[in-house]
Amino acid sequence: MVRLPKDIEGQVVDVAERLKRDYAAAFHAMGGNIGAYWNRTSLNIEVLFGSPVGPGWSAHSRFARLGWWPFGRWIQVKKIADVETELRHEIEDYLTAHQK
């Protein structure tokens, strides 16, 4: 099975933790809780409002693809820094559009 390279995994974890830390207060003020999850190819941000089943909002950014899954190569298609920038823009756009 193709695995996420350890150096990339560390970067993804760092970005996920930064995004959660930086936006937790803003989403909490709206009644939401922010979370992050990732796999070998993408980083996802999810905010749930109210109950564990929603309503919710999410943003997603793909940083890699798998060639000939599941035994092929892992191919990076976007820098992790670009993933963070993209997700921050999506989060900021959502917060701006939904401020009370």
Protein backbone atom coordinates (compact mmCIF):
# COMPACT_ATOMS: atom_id res chain seq x y z
CA MET A 1 0.00 0.00 0.00
CA VAL A 2 1.18 3.51 -0.82
CA ARG A 3 1.88 5.58 2.31
CA LEU A 4 2.03 9.30 2.88
CA PRO A 5 5.72 10.33 3.15
CA LYS A 6 6.60 11.09 6.79
CA ASP A 7 7.90 14.61 6.08
CA ILE A 8 4.69 15.47 4.23
CA GLU A 9 2.58 13.89 6.96
CA GLY A 10 4.28 16.12 9.54
CA GLN A 11 3.53 19.20 7.46
CA VAL A 12 -0.11 18.18 7.04
CA VAL A 13 -0.52 17.60 10.78
CA ASP A 14 1.04 20.99 11.52
CA VAL A 15 -1.29 22.78 9.08
CA ALA A 16 -4.34 20.99 10.46
CA GLU A 17 -3.44 21.96 14.02
CA ARG A 18 -2.74 25.59 13.04
CA LEU A 19 -6.06 25.92 11.23
CA LYS A 20 -7.99 24.43 14.14
CA ARG A 21 -6.19 26.69 16.62
CA ASP A 22 -6.52 29.85 14.53
CA TYR A 23 -10.24 29.48 13.76
CA ALA A 24 -11.63 27.66 16.81
CA ALA A 25 -12.80 30.86 18.55
CA ALA A 26 -14.51 32.26 15.44
CA PHE A 27 -16.47 29.05 14.83
CA HIS A 28 -17.20 28.60 18.52
CA ALA A 29 -18.77 32.07 18.54
CA MET A 30 -21.08 30.81 15.78
CA GLY A 31 -21.94 27.68 17.78
CA GLY A 32 -19.62 25.38 15.88
CA ASN A 33 -16.68 23.11 16.55
CA ILE A 34 -13.86 22.85 14.02
CA GLY A 35 -12.06 19.62 13.24
CA ALA A 36 -9.56 18.43 10.66
CA TYR A 37 -8.85 15.09 9.04
CA TRP A 38 -6.59 13.96 6.26
CA ASN A 39 -5.58 10.97 4.22
CA ARG A 40 -2.81 10.25 1.72
CA THR A 41 -4.10 12.80 -0.76
CA SER A 42 -6.11 15.56 0.92
CA LEU A 43 -6.70 17.71 3.99
CA ASN A 44 -10.26 18.42 5.09
CA ILE A 45 -11.64 20.95 7.53
CA GLU A 46 -15.05 20.28 9.02
CA VAL A 47 -17.23 22.42 11.27
CA LEU A 48 -20.28 20.99 12.98
CA PHE A 49 -22.94 23.26 14.41
CA GLY A 50 -25.17 21.94 17.14
CA SER A 51 -25.10 18.15 17.14
CA PRO A 52 -22.48 15.63 15.97
CA VAL A 53 -24.53 15.06 12.82
CA GLY A 54 -24.77 18.66 11.79
CA PRO A 55 -25.64 20.90 10.26
CA GLY A 56 -22.10 21.42 9.11
CA TRP A 57 -19.68 23.01 6.71
CA SER A 58 -16.46 21.69 5.22
CA ALA A 59 -13.54 22.68 3.04
CA HIS A 60 -11.22 20.34 1.20
CA SER A 61 -7.87 20.62 -0.55
CA ARG A 62 -6.08 17.89 -2.48
CA PHE A 63 -2.28 17.85 -2.31
CA ALA A 64 -1.50 14.51 -3.96
CA ARG A 65 -2.87 11.73 -6.07
CA LEU A 66 -2.26 8.01 -6.22
CA GLY A 67 -1.15 6.47 -9.47
CA TRP A 68 -2.62 3.03 -10.08
CA TRP A 69 -4.20 2.69 -6.64
CA PRO A 70 -3.54 0.91 -4.27
CA PHE A 71 -0.10 -0.24 -5.34
CA GLY A 72 1.09 2.65 -7.48
CA ARG A 73 3.03 5.79 -6.69
CA TRP A 74 2.16 8.69 -4.44
CA ILE A 75 2.42 11.90 -6.52
CA GLN A 76 2.40 15.35 -4.92
CA VAL A 77 0.36 17.82 -6.96
CA LYS A 78 0.37 20.84 -4.61
CA LYS A 79 2.68 22.18 -1.93
CA ILE A 80 1.35 21.88 1.61
CA ALA A 81 1.86 25.63 2.08
CA ASP A 82 -0.50 26.17 -0.87
CA VAL A 83 -3.04 23.85 0.75
CA GLU A 84 -2.94 25.96 3.91
CA THR A 85 -3.40 29.18 1.92
CA GLU A 86 -6.30 27.71 -0.05
CA LEU A 87 -8.07 26.45 3.08
CA ARG A 88 -7.54 29.74 4.91
CA HIS A 89 -9.19 31.58 2.00
CA GLU A 90 -12.16 29.21 2.05
CA ILE A 91 -12.53 29.54 5.83
CA GLU A 92 -12.25 33.33 5.73
CA ASP A 93 -14.81 33.51 2.93
CA TYR A 94 -17.24 31.39 4.95
CA LEU A 95 -16.73 33.41 8.12
CA THR A 96 -17.20 36.69 6.25
CA ALA A 97 -20.38 35.48 4.58
CA HIS A 98 -21.90 34.15 7.83
CA GLN A 99 -20.97 36.77 10.41
CA LYS A 100 -23.85 38.08 12.46
